[in-house]
Amino acid sequence: MSGILYRDFLIIKKKYANVKTAVLLTVGVIGSIILGFYLSSILGLMLPLITGGIVVSIFSEDDKDNWNKAVKTLPVSNLEIVGARYAIVEFMIVVTACIGALFNVLAALMHSEDFMAIYYIFPLVGIVMATISSLFTLPFCYKYGVQGANSTSIAILFIIGAGVAYIRKGQGLNVIKIIENIPFLWLVIGLVLFIFALLILSLYISVKVFEKENVK
């Protein structure tokens, strides 16, 4: 399984370990220093979401080198093959969230902010949103490839945007009031259980699709 993870890591390194990425990170550092919380909070939230979408481009490489057939010759189960892909996606989401958190810490230090807890909230929210989005997207990657995954990602973003607009218009205030009355610990436990259940379902579907698509 480590070899499968390493192969995906090399693809990501080849695609994104370049001057363009270094420039973007430099811009993020400078922007966080100058603009502070306004930019760092956005970066902390968006970096994991963007990465979750970018990493699915690994599937385009699968088609180029006929990886799905080659990997079937290895002494590993389908669950390990698919699970490795899930692991690398989540790993990259967490890595970019940590980078976003560093931007937030830098902004807080440069602007002498005492209350730093809110700076960590945005990267955490980014991890949660990117993880949920990826769990919905990955089965579509195995079934329809990158194009199908992109359509799914767009649909998810549209649903999120519609939900935000619904709440902002005041029509979702009742939902917010209900959530506010629930103890925070319960909300966290509920969210963890939801993500875990979604992971099991997503992984199960992906494994079944992988088996069916690669029977030949």
N, C-alpha and C. Protein backbone atom coordinates (compact mmCIF):
# COMPACT_ATOMS: atom_id res chain seq x y z
N MET A 1 0.83 -1.21 0.00
CA MET A 1 0.00 0.00 0.00
C MET A 1 0.86 1.26 0.00
N SER A 2 2.03 1.17 0.65
CA SER A 2 2.92 2.33 0.70
C SER A 2 3.39 2.72 -0.70
N GLY A 3 3.58 1.70 -1.57
CA GLY A 3 3.99 1.99 -2.94
C GLY A 3 2.92 2.74 -3.71
N ILE A 4 1.65 2.42 -3.45
CA ILE A 4 0.54 3.10 -4.11
C ILE A 4 0.48 4.56 -3.65
N LEU A 5 0.65 4.76 -2.35
CA LEU A 5 0.67 6.12 -1.81
C LEU A 5 1.82 6.92 -2.40
N TYR A 6 2.99 6.27 -2.52
CA TYR A 6 4.17 6.96 -3.03
C TYR A 6 3.97 7.36 -4.49
N ARG A 7 3.33 6.51 -5.26
CA ARG A 7 3.07 6.84 -6.67
C ARG A 7 2.19 8.07 -6.78
N ASP A 8 1.12 8.15 -5.97
CA ASP A 8 0.25 9.33 -6.00
C ASP A 8 0.99 10.57 -5.53
N PHE A 9 1.84 10.40 -4.52
CA PHE A 9 2.62 11.52 -4.01
C PHE A 9 3.55 12.07 -5.10
N LEU A 10 4.18 11.19 -5.87
CA LEU A 10 5.08 11.62 -6.94
C LEU A 10 4.32 12.39 -8.02
N ILE A 11 3.08 11.97 -8.30
CA ILE A 11 2.27 12.68 -9.29
C ILE A 11 1.97 14.10 -8.81
N ILE A 12 1.57 14.20 -7.55
CA ILE A 12 1.28 15.52 -6.97
C ILE A 12 2.53 16.40 -6.97
N LYS A 13 3.66 15.81 -6.61
CA LYS A 13 4.92 16.55 -6.59
C LYS A 13 5.27 17.05 -7.99
N LYS A 14 5.08 16.20 -8.98
CA LYS A 14 5.39 16.57 -10.36
C LYS A 14 4.50 17.70 -10.85
N LYS A 15 3.22 17.65 -10.46
CA LYS A 15 2.27 18.64 -10.95
C LYS A 15 2.38 19.98 -10.24
N TYR A 16 2.65 19.96 -8.93
CA TYR A 16 2.48 21.19 -8.14
C TYR A 16 3.73 21.67 -7.40
N ALA A 17 4.80 20.87 -7.37
CA ALA A 17 6.03 21.34 -6.74
C ALA A 17 6.84 22.12 -7.76
N ASN A 18 6.43 23.35 -8.02
CA ASN A 18 7.06 24.16 -9.05
C ASN A 18 7.11 25.63 -8.65
N VAL A 19 7.62 26.44 -9.55
CA VAL A 19 7.78 27.87 -9.29
C VAL A 19 6.43 28.54 -9.08
N LYS A 20 5.43 28.13 -9.83
CA LYS A 20 4.10 28.74 -9.72
C LYS A 20 3.55 28.59 -8.30
N THR A 21 3.68 27.39 -7.75
CA THR A 21 3.21 27.15 -6.38
C THR A 21 3.99 28.00 -5.38
N ALA A 22 5.32 28.09 -5.58
CA ALA A 22 6.15 28.90 -4.69
C ALA A 22 5.74 30.37 -4.73
N VAL A 23 5.43 30.86 -5.93
CA VAL A 23 5.00 32.26 -6.08
C VAL A 23 3.67 32.48 -5.36
N LEU A 24 2.73 31.54 -5.52
CA LEU A 24 1.43 31.68 -4.86
C LEU A 24 1.57 31.68 -3.34
N LEU A 25 2.45 30.82 -2.82
CA LEU A 25 2.67 30.78 -1.38
C LEU A 25 3.30 32.09 -0.89
N THR A 26 4.23 32.63 -1.69
CA THR A 26 4.86 33.90 -1.33
C THR A 26 3.84 35.02 -1.31
N VAL A 27 2.96 35.03 -2.31
CA VAL A 27 1.89 36.03 -2.34
C VAL A 27 0.99 35.89 -1.12
N GLY A 28 0.71 34.64 -0.72
CA GLY A 28 -0.11 34.40 0.46
C GLY A 28 0.53 34.95 1.72
N VAL A 29 1.85 34.76 1.85
CA VAL A 29 2.57 35.27 3.02
C VAL A 29 2.54 36.79 3.05
N ILE A 30 2.88 37.41 1.92
CA ILE A 30 2.90 38.88 1.85
C ILE A 30 1.50 39.45 2.07
N GLY A 31 0.51 38.82 1.44
CA GLY A 31 -0.87 39.29 1.60
C GLY A 31 -1.35 39.18 3.04
N SER A 32 -0.97 38.09 3.71
CA SER A 32 -1.37 37.92 5.12
C SER A 32 -0.72 38.97 6.01
N ILE A 33 0.51 39.34 5.68
CA ILE A 33 1.20 40.37 6.45
C ILE A 33 0.55 41.73 6.25
N ILE A 34 0.20 42.04 5.01
CA ILE A 34 -0.34 43.37 4.70
C ILE A 34 -1.82 43.48 5.07
N LEU A 35 -2.62 42.50 4.63
CA LEU A 35 -4.07 42.59 4.81
C LEU A 35 -4.55 41.92 6.09
N GLY A 36 -3.72 41.09 6.68
CA GLY A 36 -4.09 40.46 7.94
C GLY A 36 -5.24 39.48 7.82
N PHE A 37 -6.15 39.55 8.78
CA PHE A 37 -7.23 38.58 8.92
C PHE A 37 -8.12 38.50 7.68
N TYR A 38 -8.30 39.62 6.97
CA TYR A 38 -9.21 39.64 5.82
C TYR A 38 -8.78 38.64 4.75
N LEU A 39 -7.48 38.55 4.52
CA LEU A 39 -7.00 37.61 3.51
C LEU A 39 -6.67 36.25 4.10
N SER A 40 -6.03 36.23 5.26
CA SER A 40 -5.61 34.95 5.84
C SER A 40 -6.80 34.05 6.15
N SER A 41 -7.92 34.64 6.57
CA SER A 41 -9.11 33.83 6.87
C SER A 41 -9.66 33.19 5.60
N ILE A 42 -9.64 33.95 4.50
CA ILE A 42 -10.11 33.41 3.22
C ILE A 42 -9.20 32.29 2.76
N LEU A 43 -7.89 32.51 2.86
CA LEU A 43 -6.93 31.48 2.46
C LEU A 43 -7.07 30.23 3.32
N GLY A 44 -7.25 30.43 4.62
CA GLY A 44 -7.40 29.29 5.51
C GLY A 44 -8.60 28.43 5.17
N LEU A 45 -9.65 29.07 4.68
CA LEU A 45 -10.87 28.35 4.31
C LEU A 45 -10.78 27.74 2.92
N MET A 46 -10.22 28.49 1.96
CA MET A 46 -10.27 28.09 0.56
C MET A 46 -9.17 27.10 0.16
N LEU A 47 -7.99 27.19 0.78
CA LEU A 47 -6.89 26.30 0.38
C LEU A 47 -7.26 24.82 0.45
N PRO A 48 -7.85 24.34 1.56
CA PRO A 48 -8.24 22.92 1.59
C PRO A 48 -9.29 22.58 0.53
N LEU A 49 -10.24 23.49 0.31
CA LEU A 49 -11.29 23.24 -0.69
C LEU A 49 -10.69 23.14 -2.09
N ILE A 50 -9.79 24.05 -2.41
CA ILE A 50 -9.16 24.03 -3.73
C ILE A 50 -8.32 22.77 -3.90
N THR A 51 -7.57 22.42 -2.87
CA THR A 51 -6.71 21.24 -2.94
C THR A 51 -7.52 19.97 -3.11
N GLY A 52 -8.65 19.88 -2.40
CA GLY A 52 -9.50 18.71 -2.53
C GLY A 52 -9.96 18.50 -3.96
N GLY A 53 -10.17 19.60 -4.68
CA GLY A 53 -10.57 19.50 -6.08
C GLY A 53 -9.41 19.19 -7.00
N ILE A 54 -8.25 19.80 -6.70
CA ILE A 54 -7.08 19.61 -7.55
C ILE A 54 -6.56 18.18 -7.49
N VAL A 55 -6.58 17.59 -6.30
CA VAL A 55 -5.99 16.26 -6.13
C VAL A 55 -6.71 15.20 -6.96
N VAL A 56 -7.99 15.43 -7.25
CA VAL A 56 -8.70 14.43 -8.05
C VAL A 56 -8.15 14.35 -9.46
N SER A 57 -7.28 15.32 -9.83
CA SER A 57 -6.66 15.26 -11.16
C SER A 57 -5.72 14.07 -11.27
N ILE A 58 -5.42 13.43 -10.14
CA ILE A 58 -4.62 12.20 -10.19
C ILE A 58 -5.31 11.16 -11.06
N PHE A 59 -6.63 11.19 -11.06
CA PHE A 59 -7.38 10.21 -11.84
C PHE A 59 -7.11 10.34 -13.33
N SER A 60 -6.78 11.54 -13.79
CA SER A 60 -6.45 11.73 -15.21
C SER A 60 -5.15 11.00 -15.55
N GLU A 61 -4.24 10.92 -14.58
CA GLU A 61 -2.99 10.19 -14.79
C GLU A 61 -3.24 8.69 -14.81
N ASP A 62 -4.25 8.23 -14.08
CA ASP A 62 -4.59 6.80 -14.09
C ASP A 62 -4.89 6.32 -15.49
N ASP A 63 -5.63 7.15 -16.24
CA ASP A 63 -5.99 6.77 -17.61
C ASP A 63 -4.77 6.79 -18.54
N LYS A 64 -3.87 7.73 -18.31
CA LYS A 64 -2.71 7.87 -19.19
C LYS A 64 -1.77 6.67 -19.11
N ASP A 65 -1.52 6.18 -17.90
CA ASP A 65 -0.58 5.06 -17.76
C ASP A 65 -1.26 3.73 -17.47
N ASN A 66 -2.60 3.70 -17.67
CA ASN A 66 -3.36 2.46 -17.47
C ASN A 66 -3.14 1.89 -16.07
N TRP A 67 -3.14 2.79 -15.10
CA TRP A 67 -2.79 2.44 -13.72
C TRP A 67 -3.76 1.44 -13.10
N ASN A 68 -5.05 1.61 -13.36
CA ASN A 68 -6.05 0.77 -12.70
C ASN A 68 -5.88 -0.71 -13.04
N LYS A 69 -5.40 -1.00 -14.24
CA LYS A 69 -5.15 -2.40 -14.59
C LYS A 69 -3.81 -2.88 -14.03
N ALA A 70 -2.83 -2.00 -14.04
CA ALA A 70 -1.50 -2.37 -13.53
C ALA A 70 -1.54 -2.65 -12.03
N VAL A 71 -2.29 -1.82 -11.30
CA VAL A 71 -2.31 -1.97 -9.85
C VAL A 71 -3.02 -3.25 -9.41
N LYS A 72 -3.87 -3.79 -10.29
CA LYS A 72 -4.58 -5.03 -9.97
C LYS A 72 -3.63 -6.22 -9.88
N THR A 73 -2.43 -6.07 -10.44
CA THR A 73 -1.46 -7.16 -10.40
C THR A 73 -0.69 -7.19 -9.08
N LEU A 74 -0.84 -6.15 -8.27
CA LEU A 74 -0.14 -6.09 -6.99
C LEU A 74 -0.86 -6.93 -5.93
N PRO A 75 -0.12 -7.46 -4.96
CA PRO A 75 -0.73 -8.30 -3.91
C PRO A 75 -1.42 -7.47 -2.82
N VAL A 76 -2.35 -6.64 -3.24
CA VAL A 76 -3.12 -5.81 -2.30
C VAL A 76 -4.60 -5.90 -2.68
N SER A 77 -5.45 -5.67 -1.70
CA SER A 77 -6.89 -5.76 -1.94
C SER A 77 -7.40 -4.48 -2.59
N ASN A 78 -8.60 -4.58 -3.16
CA ASN A 78 -9.24 -3.41 -3.75
C ASN A 78 -9.47 -2.32 -2.71
N LEU A 79 -9.79 -2.74 -1.49
CA LEU A 79 -10.01 -1.78 -0.41
C LEU A 79 -8.73 -0.99 -0.13
N GLU A 80 -7.59 -1.66 -0.16
CA GLU A 80 -6.31 -0.97 0.08
C GLU A 80 -5.98 -0.03 -1.07
N ILE A 81 -6.28 -0.44 -2.29
CA ILE A 81 -6.00 0.41 -3.46
C ILE A 81 -6.82 1.69 -3.39
N VAL A 82 -8.12 1.53 -3.18
CA VAL A 82 -9.01 2.69 -3.11
C VAL A 82 -8.73 3.50 -1.85
N GLY A 83 -8.50 2.80 -0.74
CA GLY A 83 -8.22 3.49 0.52
C GLY A 83 -6.98 4.36 0.45
N ALA A 84 -5.98 3.92 -0.32
CA ALA A 84 -4.76 4.72 -0.48
C ALA A 84 -5.06 6.04 -1.17
N ARG A 85 -5.96 6.01 -2.14
CA ARG A 85 -6.34 7.24 -2.84
C ARG A 85 -7.08 8.19 -1.89
N TYR A 86 -7.96 7.64 -1.09
CA TYR A 86 -8.67 8.45 -0.09
C TYR A 86 -7.68 9.08 0.88
N ALA A 87 -6.69 8.28 1.29
CA ALA A 87 -5.70 8.76 2.27
C ALA A 87 -4.87 9.91 1.71
N ILE A 88 -4.45 9.81 0.45
CA ILE A 88 -3.61 10.86 -0.13
C ILE A 88 -4.40 12.14 -0.32
N VAL A 89 -5.69 12.02 -0.67
CA VAL A 89 -6.53 13.20 -0.82
C VAL A 89 -6.69 13.91 0.53
N GLU A 90 -6.99 13.15 1.57
CA GLU A 90 -7.17 13.75 2.89
C GLU A 90 -5.85 14.32 3.41
N PHE A 91 -4.76 13.65 3.12
CA PHE A 91 -3.44 14.15 3.54
C PHE A 91 -3.17 15.52 2.95
N MET A 92 -3.45 15.69 1.66
CA MET A 92 -3.20 16.98 1.01
C MET A 92 -4.14 18.06 1.53
N ILE A 93 -5.37 17.68 1.86
CA ILE A 93 -6.31 18.64 2.45
C ILE A 93 -5.77 19.15 3.78
N VAL A 94 -5.29 18.24 4.60
CA VAL A 94 -4.76 18.63 5.92
C VAL A 94 -3.50 19.48 5.77
N VAL A 95 -2.62 19.10 4.84
CA VAL A 95 -1.38 19.86 4.63
C VAL A 95 -1.68 21.30 4.24
N THR A 96 -2.59 21.48 3.29
CA THR A 96 -2.91 22.85 2.86
C THR A 96 -3.65 23.62 3.94
N ALA A 97 -4.44 22.92 4.76
CA ALA A 97 -5.10 23.59 5.88
C ALA A 97 -4.06 24.08 6.89
N CYS A 98 -3.01 23.29 7.09
CA CYS A 98 -1.92 23.71 7.99
C CYS A 98 -1.21 24.94 7.44
N ILE A 99 -1.04 24.98 6.12
CA ILE A 99 -0.44 26.17 5.50
C ILE A 99 -1.34 27.38 5.72
N GLY A 100 -2.65 27.17 5.55
CA GLY A 100 -3.61 28.25 5.81
C GLY A 100 -3.57 28.70 7.25
N ALA A 101 -3.39 27.75 8.17
CA ALA A 101 -3.30 28.10 9.60
C ALA A 101 -2.05 28.93 9.87
N LEU A 102 -0.95 28.59 9.19
CA LEU A 102 0.28 29.37 9.34
C LEU A 102 0.10 30.80 8.84
N PHE A 103 -0.64 30.95 7.74
CA PHE A 103 -0.96 32.30 7.25
C PHE A 103 -1.72 33.08 8.33
N ASN A 104 -2.66 32.40 8.97
CA ASN A 104 -3.47 33.04 10.01
C ASN A 104 -2.63 33.42 11.23
N VAL A 105 -1.72 32.53 11.62
CA VAL A 105 -0.84 32.83 12.75
C VAL A 105 0.05 34.02 12.42
N LEU A 106 0.58 34.03 11.21
CA LEU A 106 1.43 35.14 10.77
C LEU A 106 0.67 36.45 10.81
N ALA A 107 -0.58 36.43 10.30
CA ALA A 107 -1.40 37.64 10.31
C ALA A 107 -1.68 38.10 11.73
N ALA A 108 -1.95 37.16 12.63
CA ALA A 108 -2.24 37.51 14.02
C ALA A 108 -1.02 38.13 14.70
N LEU A 109 0.15 37.55 14.45
CA LEU A 109 1.38 38.07 15.06
C LEU A 109 1.74 39.45 14.52
N MET A 110 1.58 39.64 13.22
CA MET A 110 1.96 40.91 12.61
C MET A 110 1.01 42.03 12.99
N HIS A 111 -0.24 41.67 13.31
CA HIS A 111 -1.24 42.69 13.63
C HIS A 111 -1.59 42.70 15.12
N SER A 112 -0.74 42.03 15.91
CA SER A 112 -0.86 42.06 17.38
C SER A 112 -2.25 41.66 17.87
N GLU A 113 -2.77 40.59 17.31
CA GLU A 113 -4.08 40.10 17.75
C GLU A 113 -3.90 39.21 18.97
N ASP A 114 -4.68 39.47 20.01
CA ASP A 114 -4.60 38.66 21.23
C ASP A 114 -5.48 37.42 21.15
N PHE A 115 -6.66 37.59 20.55
CA PHE A 115 -7.61 36.47 20.47
C PHE A 115 -7.38 35.73 19.16
N MET A 116 -6.62 34.64 19.23
CA MET A 116 -6.21 33.93 18.02
C MET A 116 -7.08 32.74 17.68
N ALA A 117 -8.00 32.39 18.58
CA ALA A 117 -8.81 31.18 18.36
C ALA A 117 -9.57 31.25 17.04
N ILE A 118 -10.11 32.44 16.73
CA ILE A 118 -10.91 32.58 15.51
C ILE A 118 -10.06 32.36 14.27
N TYR A 119 -8.75 32.58 14.37
CA TYR A 119 -7.86 32.37 13.23
C TYR A 119 -7.74 30.89 12.87
N TYR A 120 -7.94 30.04 13.86
CA TYR A 120 -7.83 28.60 13.61
C TYR A 120 -9.15 27.99 13.14
N ILE A 121 -10.24 28.71 13.34
CA ILE A 121 -11.55 28.18 12.97
C ILE A 121 -11.66 27.99 11.47
N PHE A 122 -11.16 28.96 10.70
CA PHE A 122 -11.32 28.90 9.24
C PHE A 122 -10.60 27.71 8.61
N PRO A 123 -9.33 27.42 8.97
CA PRO A 123 -8.71 26.20 8.44
C PRO A 123 -9.44 24.93 8.83
N LEU A 124 -9.96 24.88 10.07
CA LEU A 124 -10.71 23.70 10.51
C LEU A 124 -12.00 23.52 9.71
N VAL A 125 -12.70 24.64 9.48
CA VAL A 125 -13.90 24.59 8.65
C VAL A 125 -13.54 24.16 7.24
N GLY A 126 -12.40 24.65 6.75
CA GLY A 126 -11.94 24.26 5.42
C GLY A 126 -11.69 22.77 5.32
N ILE A 127 -11.08 22.19 6.36
CA ILE A 127 -10.84 20.74 6.37
C ILE A 127 -12.16 19.98 6.32
N VAL A 128 -13.11 20.39 7.15
CA VAL A 128 -14.40 19.70 7.21
C VAL A 128 -15.12 19.77 5.87
N MET A 129 -15.19 20.98 5.30
CA MET A 129 -15.90 21.15 4.03
C MET A 129 -15.21 20.41 2.89
N ALA A 130 -13.87 20.48 2.85
CA ALA A 130 -13.12 19.80 1.79
C ALA A 130 -13.24 18.29 1.92
N THR A 131 -13.23 17.79 3.16
CA THR A 131 -13.36 16.35 3.39
C THR A 131 -14.72 15.85 2.93
N ILE A 132 -15.77 16.54 3.33
CA ILE A 132 -17.12 16.14 2.93
C ILE A 132 -17.27 16.20 1.42
N SER A 133 -16.76 17.28 0.81
CA SER A 133 -16.83 17.42 -0.64
C SER A 133 -16.10 16.28 -1.34
N SER A 134 -14.91 15.93 -0.84
CA SER A 134 -14.13 14.85 -1.44
C SER A 134 -14.82 13.50 -1.31
N LEU A 135 -15.45 13.27 -0.17
CA LEU A 135 -16.15 11.99 0.04
C LEU A 135 -17.32 11.84 -0.92
N PHE A 136 -17.94 12.95 -1.29
CA PHE A 136 -18.99 12.90 -2.31
C PHE A 136 -18.39 12.73 -3.70
N THR A 137 -17.24 13.34 -3.94
CA THR A 137 -16.66 13.41 -5.28
C THR A 137 -15.94 12.13 -5.70
N LEU A 138 -15.22 11.50 -4.79
CA LEU A 138 -14.36 10.37 -5.15
C LEU A 138 -15.09 9.20 -5.82
N PRO A 139 -16.29 8.80 -5.34
CA PRO A 139 -16.99 7.73 -6.06
C PRO A 139 -17.29 8.09 -7.51
N PHE A 140 -17.59 9.37 -7.77
CA PHE A 140 -17.85 9.81 -9.14
C PHE A 140 -16.56 9.79 -9.96
N CYS A 141 -15.42 10.02 -9.31
CA CYS A 141 -14.13 9.92 -10.01
C CYS A 141 -13.92 8.50 -10.51
N TYR A 142 -14.21 7.53 -9.66
CA TYR A 142 -14.01 6.13 -10.05
C TYR A 142 -15.00 5.70 -11.14
N LYS A 143 -16.18 6.29 -11.13
CA LYS A 143 -17.21 5.90 -12.09
C LYS A 143 -17.10 6.66 -13.41
N TYR A 144 -16.93 7.97 -13.32
CA TYR A 144 -17.00 8.81 -14.52
C TYR A 144 -15.71 9.56 -14.84
N GLY A 145 -14.68 9.40 -14.02
CA GLY A 145 -13.44 10.11 -14.28
C GLY A 145 -13.47 11.54 -13.77
N VAL A 146 -12.49 12.32 -14.18
CA VAL A 146 -12.33 13.68 -13.67
C VAL A 146 -13.50 14.57 -14.07
N GLN A 147 -14.02 14.41 -15.28
CA GLN A 147 -15.12 15.26 -15.73
C GLN A 147 -16.36 15.09 -14.86
N GLY A 148 -16.66 13.85 -14.54
CA GLY A 148 -17.80 13.60 -13.66
C GLY A 148 -17.58 14.16 -12.28
N ALA A 149 -16.34 14.07 -11.81
CA ALA A 149 -16.01 14.62 -10.49
C ALA A 149 -16.13 16.13 -10.48
N ASN A 150 -15.68 16.77 -11.56
CA ASN A 150 -15.78 18.23 -11.64
C ASN A 150 -17.23 18.68 -11.60
N SER A 151 -18.10 17.96 -12.31
CA SER A 151 -19.52 18.31 -12.30
C SER A 151 -20.10 18.17 -10.90
N THR A 152 -19.67 17.12 -10.20
CA THR A 152 -20.14 16.91 -8.83
C THR A 152 -19.67 18.04 -7.92
N SER A 153 -18.40 18.44 -8.07
CA SER A 153 -17.85 19.52 -7.24
C SER A 153 -18.61 20.82 -7.46
N ILE A 154 -18.92 21.11 -8.73
CA ILE A 154 -19.67 22.32 -9.04
C ILE A 154 -21.06 22.27 -8.40
N ALA A 155 -21.69 21.10 -8.46
CA ALA A 155 -23.01 20.94 -7.86
C ALA A 155 -22.96 21.14 -6.35
N ILE A 156 -21.91 20.61 -5.71
CA ILE A 156 -21.76 20.76 -4.26
C ILE A 156 -21.58 22.23 -3.89
N LEU A 157 -20.72 22.93 -4.64
CA LEU A 157 -20.50 24.35 -4.38
C LEU A 157 -21.78 25.15 -4.58
N PHE A 158 -22.56 24.77 -5.59
CA PHE A 158 -23.83 25.45 -5.84
C PHE A 158 -24.79 25.25 -4.67
N ILE A 159 -24.83 24.03 -4.15
CA ILE A 159 -25.70 23.74 -3.00
C ILE A 159 -25.27 24.53 -1.78
N ILE A 160 -23.94 24.60 -1.55
CA ILE A 160 -23.42 25.37 -0.41
C ILE A 160 -23.78 26.84 -0.56
N GLY A 161 -23.57 27.37 -1.78
CA GLY A 161 -23.90 28.77 -2.03
C GLY A 161 -25.37 29.06 -1.85
N ALA A 162 -26.21 28.14 -2.32
CA ALA A 162 -27.66 28.32 -2.17
C ALA A 162 -28.05 28.28 -0.69
N GLY A 163 -27.40 27.41 0.07
CA GLY A 163 -27.68 27.33 1.51
C GLY A 163 -27.30 28.61 2.23
N VAL A 164 -26.13 29.16 1.87
CA VAL A 164 -25.69 30.42 2.48
C VAL A 164 -26.65 31.55 2.13
N ALA A 165 -27.07 31.61 0.86
CA ALA A 165 -28.01 32.65 0.43
C ALA A 165 -29.35 32.50 1.16
N TYR A 166 -29.77 31.27 1.36
CA TYR A 166 -31.03 31.00 2.06
C TYR A 166 -30.99 31.52 3.49
N ILE A 167 -29.85 31.27 4.14
CA ILE A 167 -29.69 31.72 5.53
C ILE A 167 -29.59 33.23 5.61
N ARG A 168 -28.85 33.83 4.67
CA ARG A 168 -28.65 35.28 4.70
C ARG A 168 -29.96 36.04 4.50
N LYS A 169 -30.89 35.45 3.79
CA LYS A 169 -32.18 36.10 3.57
C LYS A 169 -33.07 36.02 4.80
N GLY A 170 -32.60 35.31 5.81
CA GLY A 170 -33.37 35.21 7.05
C GLY A 170 -34.31 34.04 7.09
N GLN A 171 -34.39 33.30 5.98
CA GLN A 171 -35.32 32.18 5.92
C GLN A 171 -34.78 30.95 6.65
N GLY A 172 -33.47 30.99 6.96
CA GLY A 172 -32.89 29.86 7.66
C GLY A 172 -32.62 30.15 9.12
N LEU A 173 -33.19 31.24 9.64
CA LEU A 173 -32.95 31.61 11.03
C LEU A 173 -33.47 30.56 12.01
N ASN A 174 -34.58 29.93 11.67
CA ASN A 174 -35.12 28.89 12.55
C ASN A 174 -34.14 27.72 12.70
N VAL A 175 -33.48 27.39 11.59
CA VAL A 175 -32.48 26.31 11.63
C VAL A 175 -31.32 26.72 12.52
N ILE A 176 -30.88 27.97 12.37
CA ILE A 176 -29.77 28.47 13.19
C ILE A 176 -30.13 28.45 14.66
N LYS A 177 -31.36 28.84 14.99
CA LYS A 177 -31.79 28.85 16.39
C LYS A 177 -31.79 27.44 16.97
N ILE A 178 -32.21 26.48 16.15
CA ILE A 178 -32.20 25.09 16.61
C ILE A 178 -30.77 24.63 16.89
N ILE A 179 -29.85 24.98 15.98
CA ILE A 179 -28.45 24.59 16.14
C ILE A 179 -27.85 25.24 17.38
N GLU A 180 -28.21 26.52 17.61
CA GLU A 180 -27.66 27.24 18.76
C GLU A 180 -28.09 26.61 20.08
N ASN A 181 -29.22 25.94 20.09
CA ASN A 181 -29.72 25.33 21.32
C ASN A 181 -29.10 23.96 21.60
N ILE A 182 -28.34 23.45 20.63
CA ILE A 182 -27.69 22.16 20.80
C ILE A 182 -26.31 22.38 21.42
N PRO A 183 -25.95 21.64 22.47
CA PRO A 183 -24.62 21.77 23.08
C PRO A 183 -23.51 21.59 22.04
N PHE A 184 -22.47 22.39 22.16
CA PHE A 184 -21.37 22.37 21.17
C PHE A 184 -20.75 20.98 21.05
N LEU A 185 -20.57 20.31 22.18
CA LEU A 185 -19.96 18.98 22.15
C LEU A 185 -20.80 18.01 21.34
N TRP A 186 -22.12 18.12 21.47
CA TRP A 186 -23.00 17.26 20.70
C TRP A 186 -22.87 17.54 19.20
N LEU A 187 -22.74 18.81 18.87
CA LEU A 187 -22.57 19.18 17.46
C LEU A 187 -21.29 18.56 16.89
N VAL A 188 -20.22 18.63 17.68
CA VAL A 188 -18.94 18.07 17.24
C VAL A 188 -19.05 16.56 17.07
N ILE A 189 -19.65 15.90 18.06
CA ILE A 189 -19.82 14.44 17.98
C ILE A 189 -20.70 14.07 16.79
N GLY A 190 -21.78 14.82 16.59
CA GLY A 190 -22.66 14.56 15.46
C GLY A 190 -21.95 14.73 14.13
N LEU A 191 -21.11 15.77 14.03
CA LEU A 191 -20.37 16.02 12.79
C LEU A 191 -19.36 14.91 12.53
N VAL A 192 -18.66 14.47 13.57
CA VAL A 192 -17.69 13.39 13.43
C VAL A 192 -18.37 12.09 12.99
N LEU A 193 -19.50 11.78 13.61
CA LEU A 193 -20.24 10.58 13.24
C LEU A 193 -20.76 10.66 11.81
N PHE A 194 -21.21 11.85 11.41
CA PHE A 194 -21.70 12.04 10.04
C PHE A 194 -20.57 11.81 9.03
N ILE A 195 -19.40 12.40 9.30
CA ILE A 195 -18.27 12.25 8.39
C ILE A 195 -17.81 10.79 8.34
N PHE A 196 -17.80 10.14 9.50
CA PHE A 196 -17.39 8.73 9.54
C PHE A 196 -18.35 7.86 8.73
N ALA A 197 -19.66 8.08 8.91
CA ALA A 197 -20.65 7.32 8.16
C ALA A 197 -20.53 7.59 6.66
N LEU A 198 -20.29 8.87 6.32
CA LEU A 198 -20.12 9.24 4.91
C LEU A 198 -18.86 8.60 4.33
N LEU A 199 -17.80 8.51 5.14
CA LEU A 199 -16.56 7.87 4.70
C LEU A 199 -16.80 6.40 4.38
N ILE A 200 -17.49 5.70 5.28
CA ILE A 200 -17.76 4.27 5.07
C ILE A 200 -18.58 4.07 3.79
N LEU A 201 -19.63 4.89 3.63
CA LEU A 201 -20.49 4.77 2.45
C LEU A 201 -19.72 5.10 1.17
N SER A 202 -18.98 6.20 1.20
CA SER A 202 -18.22 6.62 0.03
C SER A 202 -17.17 5.58 -0.36
N LEU A 203 -16.46 5.07 0.64
CA LEU A 203 -15.42 4.07 0.39
C LEU A 203 -16.03 2.78 -0.16
N TYR A 204 -17.16 2.39 0.39
CA TYR A 204 -17.85 1.17 -0.08
C TYR A 204 -18.25 1.31 -1.54
N ILE A 205 -18.85 2.44 -1.89
CA ILE A 205 -19.28 2.67 -3.27
C ILE A 205 -18.08 2.69 -4.21
N SER A 206 -17.02 3.38 -3.80
CA SER A 206 -15.82 3.48 -4.65
C SER A 206 -15.20 2.12 -4.90
N VAL A 207 -15.12 1.29 -3.85
CA VAL A 207 -14.55 -0.05 -4.00
C VAL A 207 -15.39 -0.88 -4.96
N LYS A 208 -16.71 -0.82 -4.81
CA LYS A 208 -17.60 -1.59 -5.68
C LYS A 208 -17.48 -1.13 -7.13
N VAL A 209 -17.42 0.19 -7.33
CA VAL A 209 -17.27 0.73 -8.68
C VAL A 209 -15.92 0.32 -9.26
N PHE A 210 -14.87 0.39 -8.45
CA PHE A 210 -13.53 0.01 -8.90
C PHE A 210 -13.49 -1.45 -9.31
N GLU A 211 -14.13 -2.31 -8.53
CA GLU A 211 -14.17 -3.73 -8.86
C GLU A 211 -14.90 -3.96 -10.18
N LYS A 212 -16.04 -3.29 -10.34
CA LYS A 212 -16.86 -3.47 -11.54
C LYS A 212 -16.18 -2.93 -12.78
N GLU A 213 -15.55 -1.76 -12.64
CA GLU A 213 -14.93 -1.12 -13.80
C GLU A 213 -13.64 -1.80 -14.21
N ASN A 214 -13.07 -2.62 -13.34
CA ASN A 214 -11.78 -3.24 -13.64
C ASN A 214 -11.84 -4.76 -13.60
N VAL A 215 -13.02 -5.30 -13.92
CA VAL A 215 -13.18 -6.76 -13.93
C VAL A 215 -12.44 -7.37 -15.11
N LYS A 216 -12.41 -6.60 -16.18
CA LYS A 216 -11.83 -7.15 -17.42
C LYS A 216 -10.35 -7.46 -17.26
